[in-house]
C-alpha atoms as a PDB file:
ATOM      1  CA  MET A   1       2.804 -19.007   2.123  1.00  0.00           C
ATOM      2  CA  TYR A   2       2.419 -20.516  -1.333  1.00  0.00           C
ATOM      3  CA  PHE A   3       4.985 -20.987  -4.092  1.00  0.00           C
ATOM      4  CA  SER A   4       4.212 -21.115  -7.795  1.00  0.00           C
ATOM      5  CA  SER A   5       4.816 -24.514  -9.326  1.00  0.00           C
ATOM      6  CA  HIS A   6       5.208 -22.776 -12.688  1.00  0.00           C
ATOM      7  CA  ASN A   7       7.681 -19.997 -11.820  1.00  0.00           C
ATOM      8  CA  ASP A   8      10.248 -20.163  -9.008  1.00  0.00           C
ATOM      9  CA  ASP A   9      10.310 -16.356  -8.862  1.00  0.00           C
ATOM     10  CA  VAL A  10       6.632 -16.115  -7.850  1.00  0.00           C
ATOM     11  CA  ALA A  11       5.383 -16.545  -4.280  1.00  0.00           C
ATOM     12  CA  PHE A  12       2.141 -15.724  -2.478  1.00  0.00           C
ATOM     13  CA  VAL A  13       2.228 -14.480   1.129  1.00  0.00           C
ATOM     14  CA  ASN A  14      -1.136 -14.988   2.819  1.00  0.00           C
ATOM     15  CA  HIS A  15      -2.471 -12.992   5.768  1.00  0.00           C
ATOM     16  CA  ALA A  16      -5.408 -13.736   8.065  1.00  0.00           C
ATOM     17  CA  SER A  17      -7.079 -10.439   7.113  1.00  0.00           C
ATOM     18  CA  GLY A  18      -7.828 -11.632   3.557  1.00  0.00           C
ATOM     19  CA  LEU A  19      -4.726  -9.955   2.176  1.00  0.00           C
ATOM     20  CA  LEU A  20      -2.582 -11.876  -0.300  1.00  0.00           C
ATOM     21  CA  GLU A  21       0.762 -10.394  -1.321  1.00  0.00           C
ATOM     22  CA  VAL A  22       2.133 -11.496  -4.680  1.00  0.00           C
ATOM     23  CA  GLU A  23       5.913 -11.429  -4.930  1.00  0.00           C
ATOM     24  CA  GLY A  24       7.749 -11.952  -8.193  1.00  0.00           C
ATOM     25  CA  LYS A  25       9.922 -10.693 -11.009  1.00  0.00           C
ATOM     26  CA  GLY A  26       8.643  -9.847 -14.473  1.00  0.00           C
ATOM     27  CA  PRO A  27       5.139 -10.744 -15.695  1.00  0.00           C
ATOM     28  CA  LEU A  28       2.538 -12.892 -13.934  1.00  0.00           C
ATOM     29  CA  CYS A  29       0.441 -15.423 -15.831  1.00  0.00           C
ATOM     30  CA  ALA A  30      -2.486 -17.721 -15.083  1.00  0.00           C
ATOM     31  CA  GLU A  31      -0.161 -20.719 -14.704  1.00  0.00           C
ATOM     32  CA  ASP A  32       1.530 -19.002 -11.763  1.00  0.00           C
ATOM     33  CA  THR A  33      -1.573 -19.679  -9.650  1.00  0.00           C
ATOM     34  CA  ASP A  34      -0.798 -23.405  -9.703  1.00  0.00           C
ATOM     35  CA  VAL A  35       0.864 -23.443  -6.282  1.00  0.00           C
ATOM     36  CA  ARG A  36       2.491 -25.658  -3.712  1.00  0.00           C
ATOM     37  CA  PRO A  37       1.998 -26.719  -0.981  1.00  0.00           C
ATOM     38  CA  PHE A  38      -1.745 -27.030  -0.341  1.00  0.00           C
ATOM     39  CA  GLY A  39      -2.516 -25.837  -3.845  1.00  0.00           C
ATOM     40  CA  ASP A  40      -5.882 -27.562  -4.003  1.00  0.00           C
ATOM     41  CA  LYS A  41      -8.600 -26.146  -6.224  1.00  0.00           C
ATOM     42  CA  GLY A  42     -10.157 -23.139  -4.525  1.00  0.00           C
ATOM     43  CA  TRP A  43      -7.072 -22.173  -2.501  1.00  0.00           C
ATOM     44  CA  ALA A  44      -7.349 -18.564  -3.728  1.00  0.00           C
ATOM     45  CA  ASP A  45     -11.060 -18.095  -3.026  1.00  0.00           C
ATOM     46  CA  GLU A  46     -10.647 -16.641   0.485  1.00  0.00           C
ATOM     47  CA  PHE A  47      -8.535 -13.622  -0.484  1.00  0.00           C
ATOM     48  CA  SER A  48     -10.248 -10.248  -0.975  1.00  0.00           C
ATOM     49  CA  PHE A  49      -7.201  -7.963  -1.214  1.00  0.00           C
ATOM     50  CA  LEU A  50      -4.569  -8.786  -3.837  1.00  0.00           C
ATOM     51  CA  LYS A  51      -1.408  -6.733  -3.319  1.00  0.00           C
ATOM     52  CA  VAL A  52       1.132  -7.057  -6.111  1.00  0.00           C
ATOM     53  CA  CYS A  53       4.640  -6.287  -4.861  1.00  0.00           C
ATOM     54  CA  PRO A  54       7.383  -4.274  -6.605  1.00  0.00           C
ATOM     55  CA  GLY A  55       9.304  -6.348  -9.126  1.00  0.00           C
ATOM     56  CA  VAL A  56       6.249  -7.591 -10.981  1.00  0.00           C
ATOM     57  CA  THR A  57       6.011  -5.825 -14.350  1.00  0.00           C
ATOM     58  CA  ALA A  58       2.776  -7.120 -15.904  1.00  0.00           C
ATOM     59  CA  ILE A  59      -0.310  -9.252 -15.258  1.00  0.00           C
ATOM     60  CA  GLY A  60      -1.295 -11.562 -18.076  1.00  0.00           C
ATOM     61  CA  PRO A  61      -4.591 -13.175 -19.172  1.00  0.00           C
ATOM     62  CA  GLY A  62      -6.377 -15.367 -16.641  1.00  0.00           C
ATOM     63  CA  PHE A  63      -4.353 -14.384 -13.580  1.00  0.00           C
ATOM     64  CA  LEU A  64      -6.858 -12.005 -11.978  1.00  0.00           C
ATOM     65  CA  GLU A  65      -9.828 -14.298 -12.591  1.00  0.00           C
ATOM     66  CA  ALA A  66      -8.124 -16.944 -10.420  1.00  0.00           C
ATOM     67  CA  PHE A  67      -9.133 -14.860  -7.377  1.00  0.00           C
ATOM     68  CA  PRO A  68     -12.967 -14.821  -7.406  1.00  0.00           C
ATOM     69  CA  GLY A  69     -13.226 -13.137  -3.996  1.00  0.00           C
ATOM     70  CA  MET A  70     -11.081 -10.148  -4.947  1.00  0.00           C
ATOM     71  CA  GLN A  71     -12.402  -6.731  -3.934  1.00  0.00           C
ATOM     72  CA  VAL A  72      -9.160  -4.725  -3.971  1.00  0.00           C
ATOM     73  CA  LEU A  73      -6.209  -4.872  -6.379  1.00  0.00           C
ATOM     74  CA  GLU A  74      -3.069  -2.916  -5.512  1.00  0.00           C
ATOM     75  CA  LEU A  75      -0.459  -2.357  -8.223  1.00  0.00           C
ATOM     76  CA  PRO A  76       3.104  -1.087  -7.651  1.00  0.00           C
ATOM     77  CA  ARG A  77       4.875   1.396  -9.888  1.00  0.00           C
ATOM     78  CA  THR A  78       6.786  -1.447 -11.554  1.00  0.00           C
ATOM     79  CA  VAL A  79       3.615  -2.801 -13.201  1.00  0.00           C
ATOM     80  CA  GLU A  80       3.282  -1.387 -16.717  1.00  0.00           C
ATOM     81  CA  ALA A  81       0.595  -3.660 -18.204  1.00  0.00           C
ATOM     82  CA  VAL A  82      -2.485  -5.555 -17.037  1.00  0.00           C
ATOM     83  CA  ASP A  83      -4.694  -7.836 -19.095  1.00  0.00           C
ATOM     84  CA  ALA A  84      -7.442  -5.594 -20.475  1.00  0.00           C
ATOM     85  CA  SER A  85      -9.410  -8.262 -22.302  1.00  0.00           C
ATOM     86  CA  GLU A  86     -13.182  -8.246 -22.171  1.00  0.00           C
ATOM     87  CA  ALA A  87     -13.082 -11.160 -19.733  1.00  0.00           C
ATOM     88  CA  ALA A  88     -10.640  -9.458 -17.350  1.00  0.00           C
ATOM     89  CA  ILE A  89     -12.315  -6.043 -17.333  1.00  0.00           C
ATOM     90  CA  GLY A  90     -15.735  -7.663 -17.047  1.00  0.00           C
ATOM     91  CA  PHE A  91     -14.501  -9.600 -14.018  1.00  0.00           C
ATOM     92  CA  LEU A  92     -13.154  -6.440 -12.341  1.00  0.00           C
ATOM     93  CA  ARG A  93     -16.313  -4.457 -13.045  1.00  0.00           C
ATOM     94  CA  LYS A  94     -18.659  -7.209 -11.897  1.00  0.00           C
ATOM     95  CA  ARG A  95     -16.723  -7.491  -8.635  1.00  0.00           C
ATOM     96  CA  HIS A  96     -16.568  -3.659  -8.279  1.00  0.00           C
ATOM     97  CA  VAL A  97     -12.837  -4.089  -7.650  1.00  0.00           C
ATOM     98  CA  LEU A  98     -11.065  -1.077  -6.170  1.00  0.00           C
ATOM     99  CA  ILE A  99      -7.716  -0.294  -7.810  1.00  0.00           C
ATOM    100  CA  ARG A 100      -5.000   1.027  -5.511  1.00  0.00           C
ATOM    101  CA  GLY A 101      -1.617   2.505  -6.383  1.00  0.00           C
ATOM    102  CA  ALA A 102       0.260   5.774  -6.688  1.00  0.00           C
ATOM    103  CA  PHE A 103      -0.911   8.955  -8.366  1.00  0.00           C
ATOM    104  CA  ASP A 104       0.143   9.384 -12.020  1.00  0.00           C
ATOM    105  CA  SER A 105       1.036   5.696 -12.219  1.00  0.00           C
ATOM    106  CA  PHE A 106      -0.158   2.905 -14.489  1.00  0.00           C
ATOM    107  CA  ALA A 107      -2.568   1.835 -11.721  1.00  0.00           C
ATOM    108  CA  GLU A 108      -4.421   5.157 -11.746  1.00  0.00           C
ATOM    109  CA  ASP A 109      -4.490   5.292 -15.544  1.00  0.00           C
ATOM    110  CA  PHE A 110      -5.782   1.715 -15.727  1.00  0.00           C
ATOM    111  CA  ALA A 111      -8.615   2.505 -13.302  1.00  0.00           C
ATOM    112  CA  ARG A 112      -9.549   5.666 -15.187  1.00  0.00           C
ATOM    113  CA  ARG A 113      -9.568   4.018 -18.622  1.00  0.00           C
ATOM    114  CA  HIS A 114     -11.814   1.178 -17.496  1.00  0.00           C
ATOM    115  CA  GLY A 115     -14.192   3.062 -15.200  1.00  0.00           C
ATOM    116  CA  LEU A 116     -12.959   1.494 -11.958  1.00  0.00           C
ATOM    117  CA  ASP A 117     -12.667   3.144  -8.560  1.00  0.00           C
ATOM    118  CA  PHE A 118      -9.162   4.264  -7.585  1.00  0.00           C
ATOM    119  CA  LEU A 119      -7.681   4.985  -4.162  1.00  0.00           C
ATOM    120  CA  HIS A 120      -4.098   5.913  -3.369  1.00  0.00           C
ATOM    121  CA  ALA A 121      -2.184   3.047  -1.762  1.00  0.00           C
ATOM    122  CA  ASP A 122      -1.288   3.226   1.914  1.00  0.00           C
ATOM    123  CA  ILE A 123       2.234   4.527   2.589  1.00  0.00           C
ATOM    124  CA  TYR A 124       4.609   2.928   5.079  1.00  0.00           C
ATOM    125  CA  LEU A 125       6.259   5.858   6.846  1.00  0.00           C
ATOM    126  CA  ALA A 126       8.854   4.670   9.350  1.00  0.00           C
ATOM    127  CA  CYS A 127       9.700   2.381  12.267  1.00  0.00           C
ATOM    128  CA  ASP A 128       9.868   4.019  15.697  1.00  0.00           C
ATOM    129  CA  ARG A 129      12.414   2.023  17.687  1.00  0.00           C
ATOM    130  CA  ASP A 130      12.254   2.341  21.500  1.00  0.00           C
ATOM    131  CA  GLU A 131      15.532   0.962  22.839  1.00  0.00           C
ATOM    132  CA  ARG A 132      14.471   1.273  26.463  1.00  0.00           C
ATOM    133  CA  ARG A 133      11.375  -0.862  25.961  1.00  0.00           C
ATOM    134  CA  GLN A 134      12.963  -2.853  23.118  1.00  0.00           C
ATOM    135  CA  SER A 135       9.877  -2.236  21.015  1.00  0.00           C
ATOM    136  CA  ASN A 136       9.302  -1.425  17.352  1.00  0.00           C
ATOM    137  CA  THR A 137       6.318   0.566  16.162  1.00  0.00           C
ATOM    138  CA  PHE A 138       5.619   0.500  12.434  1.00  0.00           C
ATOM    139  CA  ILE A 139       3.777   3.612  11.249  1.00  0.00           C
ATOM    140  CA  THR A 140       1.622   3.637   8.116  1.00  0.00           C
ATOM    141  CA  LEU A 141      -0.335   6.444   6.485  1.00  0.00           C
ATOM    142  CA  ARG A 142      -3.673   4.908   5.454  1.00  0.00           C
ATOM    143  CA  PHE A 143      -6.317   6.188   3.036  1.00  0.00           C
ATOM    144  CA  PHE A 144     -10.009   5.316   2.789  1.00  0.00           C
ATOM    145  CA  ARG A 145     -12.613   5.411   0.022  1.00  0.00           C
ATOM    146  CA  ASN A 146     -14.502   8.309   1.625  1.00  0.00           C
ATOM    147  CA  GLY A 147     -11.403  10.505   1.310  1.00  0.00           C
ATOM    148  CA  SER A 148     -10.373  10.290   4.975  1.00  0.00           C
ATOM    149  CA  ALA A 149      -6.964   9.206   6.272  1.00  0.00           C
ATOM    150  CA  ASP A 150      -5.310   8.081   9.483  1.00  0.00           C
ATOM    151  CA  LEU A 151      -2.004   7.039  10.983  1.00  0.00           C
ATOM    152  CA  HIS A 152      -1.786   3.349  11.877  1.00  0.00           C
ATOM    153  CA  TYR A 153       0.661   2.373  14.657  1.00  0.00           C
ATOM    154  CA  ASP A 154       1.533  -1.324  14.896  1.00  0.00           C
ATOM    155  CA  GLU A 155       3.751  -1.989  17.924  1.00  0.00           C
ATOM    156  CA  TYR A 156       5.758  -5.114  18.654  1.00  0.00           C
ATOM    157  CA  SER A 157       7.454  -5.483  22.041  1.00  0.00           C
ATOM    158  CA  PRO A 158       8.815  -8.344  24.195  1.00  0.00           C
ATOM    159  CA  GLY A 159       6.189 -10.201  26.186  1.00  0.00           C
ATOM    160  CA  SER A 160       6.261 -11.259  29.817  1.00  0.00           C
ATOM    161  CA  SER A 161       7.667 -14.702  29.048  1.00  0.00           C
ATOM    162  CA  ALA A 162      10.106 -16.295  26.642  1.00  0.00           C
ATOM    163  CA  GLY A 163       8.644 -16.654  23.181  1.00  0.00           C
ATOM    164  CA  SER A 164       5.804 -14.266  23.974  1.00  0.00           C
ATOM    165  CA  TRP A 165       5.327 -10.945  22.201  1.00  0.00           C
ATOM    166  CA  GLY A 166       3.293  -7.977  23.346  1.00  0.00           C
ATOM    167  CA  GLY A 167       2.422  -4.710  21.694  1.00  0.00           C
ATOM    168  CA  GLY A 168      -0.759  -3.537  20.067  1.00  0.00           C
ATOM    169  CA  VAL A 169      -2.369  -1.433  17.385  1.00  0.00           C
ATOM    170  CA  CYS A 170      -3.761   2.094  17.574  1.00  0.00           C
ATOM    171  CA  THR A 171      -4.776   4.742  15.052  1.00  0.00           C
ATOM    172  CA  THR A 172      -4.925   8.526  14.898  1.00  0.00           C
ATOM    173  CA  ASP A 173      -7.394  10.218  12.554  1.00  0.00           C
ATOM    174  CA  LEU A 174      -5.990  12.972  10.357  1.00  0.00           C
ATOM    175  CA  PRO A 175      -7.826  16.146   9.350  1.00  0.00           C
ATOM    176  CA  ARG A 176      -9.580  15.799   6.011  1.00  0.00           C
ATOM    177  CA  ASN A 177      -7.392  17.176   3.240  1.00  0.00           C
ATOM    178  CA  PHE A 178      -4.461  17.375   5.670  1.00  0.00           C
ATOM    179  CA  TYR A 179      -2.142  17.344   2.668  1.00  0.00           C
ATOM    180  CA  ARG A 180      -3.349  20.629   1.162  1.00  0.00           C
ATOM    181  CA  GLY A 181      -0.321  22.899   0.955  1.00  0.00           C
ATOM    182  CA  CYS A 182       1.650  20.497   3.160  1.00  0.00           C
ATOM    183  CA  SER A 183       5.331  20.086   2.320  1.00  0.00           C
ATOM    184  CA  LEU A 184       7.431  17.076   3.232  1.00  0.00           C
ATOM    185  CA  GLU A 185       9.214  19.188   5.839  1.00  0.00           C
ATOM    186  CA  ALA A 186       5.945  20.319   7.391  1.00  0.00           C
ATOM    187  CA  PHE A 187       4.580  16.768   7.506  1.00  0.00           C
ATOM    188  CA  ALA A 188       7.742  15.413   9.126  1.00  0.00           C
ATOM    189  CA  GLY A 189       7.618  18.238  11.655  1.00  0.00           C
ATOM    190  CA  HIS A 190       4.559  16.670  13.309  1.00  0.00           C
ATOM    191  CA  PHE A 191       6.603  13.609  14.334  1.00  0.00           C
ATOM    192  CA  PRO A 192       9.289  13.076  16.992  1.00  0.00           C
ATOM    193  CA  GLU A 193      12.717  14.290  15.952  1.00  0.00           C
ATOM    194  CA  ALA A 194      14.083  10.722  15.865  1.00  0.00           C
ATOM    195  CA  LEU A 195      11.757   9.910  12.953  1.00  0.00           C
ATOM    196  CA  ARG A 196      12.216  13.032  10.864  1.00  0.00           C
ATOM    197  CA  GLU A 197      15.264  11.890   8.910  1.00  0.00           C
ATOM    198  CA  ALA A 198      13.501   8.681   7.841  1.00  0.00           C
ATOM    199  CA  LEU A 199      10.410  10.666   6.827  1.00  0.00           C
ATOM    200  CA  MET A 200      12.448  13.183   4.867  1.00  0.00           C
ATOM    201  CA  GLN A 201      14.010  10.286   2.925  1.00  0.00           C
ATOM    202  CA  ASN A 202      10.694   8.517   2.260  1.00  0.00           C
ATOM    203  CA  GLU A 203      10.318   8.731  -1.523  1.00  0.00           C
ATOM    204  CA  GLU A 204       6.719   7.469  -1.639  1.00  0.00           C
ATOM    205  CA  LEU A 205       5.641  10.065   0.921  1.00  0.00           C
ATOM    206  CA  ALA A 206       7.462  12.836  -0.953  1.00  0.00           C
ATOM    207  CA  LEU A 207       5.842  11.857  -4.265  1.00  0.00           C
ATOM    208  CA  PHE A 208       2.401  11.642  -2.679  1.00  0.00           C
ATOM    209  CA  LEU A 209       2.650  15.123  -1.149  1.00  0.00           C
ATOM    210  CA  GLU A 210       3.854  16.476  -4.502  1.00  0.00           C
ATOM    211  CA  LYS A 211       1.242  14.761  -6.678  1.00  0.00           C
ATOM    212  CA  VAL A 212      -1.758  15.298  -4.377  1.00  0.00           C
ATOM    213  CA  GLN A 213      -1.607  19.080  -4.530  1.00  0.00           C
ATOM    214  CA  GLY A 214      -4.518  20.407  -6.545  1.00  0.00           C
ATOM    215  CA  ARG A 215      -6.508  17.166  -6.289  1.00  0.00           C
ATOM    216  CA  LYS A 216      -9.890  17.073  -4.621  1.00  0.00           C
ATOM    217  CA  SER A 217      -9.341  13.773  -2.842  1.00  0.00           C
ATOM    218  CA  VAL A 218      -7.103  10.733  -2.483  1.00  0.00           C
ATOM    219  CA  ALA A 219     -10.025   8.694  -3.833  1.00  0.00           C
ATOM    220  CA  VAL A 220     -11.404   8.964  -7.364  1.00  0.00           C
ATOM    221  CA  PRO A 221     -15.184   8.357  -7.626  1.00  0.00           C
ATOM    222  CA  GLU A 222     -16.207   5.526  -9.879  1.00  0.00           C
ATOM    223  CA  ARG A 223     -17.364   6.473 -13.379  1.00  0.00           C
ATOM    224  CA  ARG A 224     -20.414   4.333 -13.923  1.00  0.00           C
ATOM    225  CA  GLU A 225     -21.108   5.884 -17.303  1.00  0.00           C
ATOM    226  CA  ARG A 226     -17.963   4.218 -18.629  1.00  0.00           C
ATOM    227  CA  ARG A 227     -19.129   0.757 -17.634  1.00  0.00           C
ATOM    228  CA  ARG A 228     -20.579  -0.954 -20.657  1.00  0.00           C
END
């Protein structure tokens, strides 16, 4: 984990998969990428997926270019502005960066205006708690650039010795266009009863199922003709 030396409200949570989560309040700026500890030059080069967390409202000049390995940029609903200078858009286009976010959000509009690929962000659905086994399974609805989707189950359970944790990961493919005509109630009905209340209260899932109706895909093809 890294902390901005410029802004105490900004932190970077690194993951082994190349994912970097950016936590903060208000706008981000280039100076925020001066971090501690281990903030040597090139610290940001290894990250390919930049996920901006809710609370951030804007991304200023020079911030995105600090991540030369970026391939995916995910923006929350709270972001209402991103640097659209020639340098920033040129960087995103040259890297063929995929923009992820919610439908009818700033993220989708930003991708459309600048000829960038867009894909709906994955949606965390619920945690399935098994009291008997003392395990927690975190369920996420994931989307892919080819328009397919799956359910990702990430289980954490006690291991065989103190300080050891077991569990595992599995996935279930969903039918293509599973969301067509699917209501929140119908979607929740495919899950165990213990999870249905949490699913019925999941605002991101409800908005997705509402906004996706009438769309051809969760992924928007890139518009190369708009790249100049």
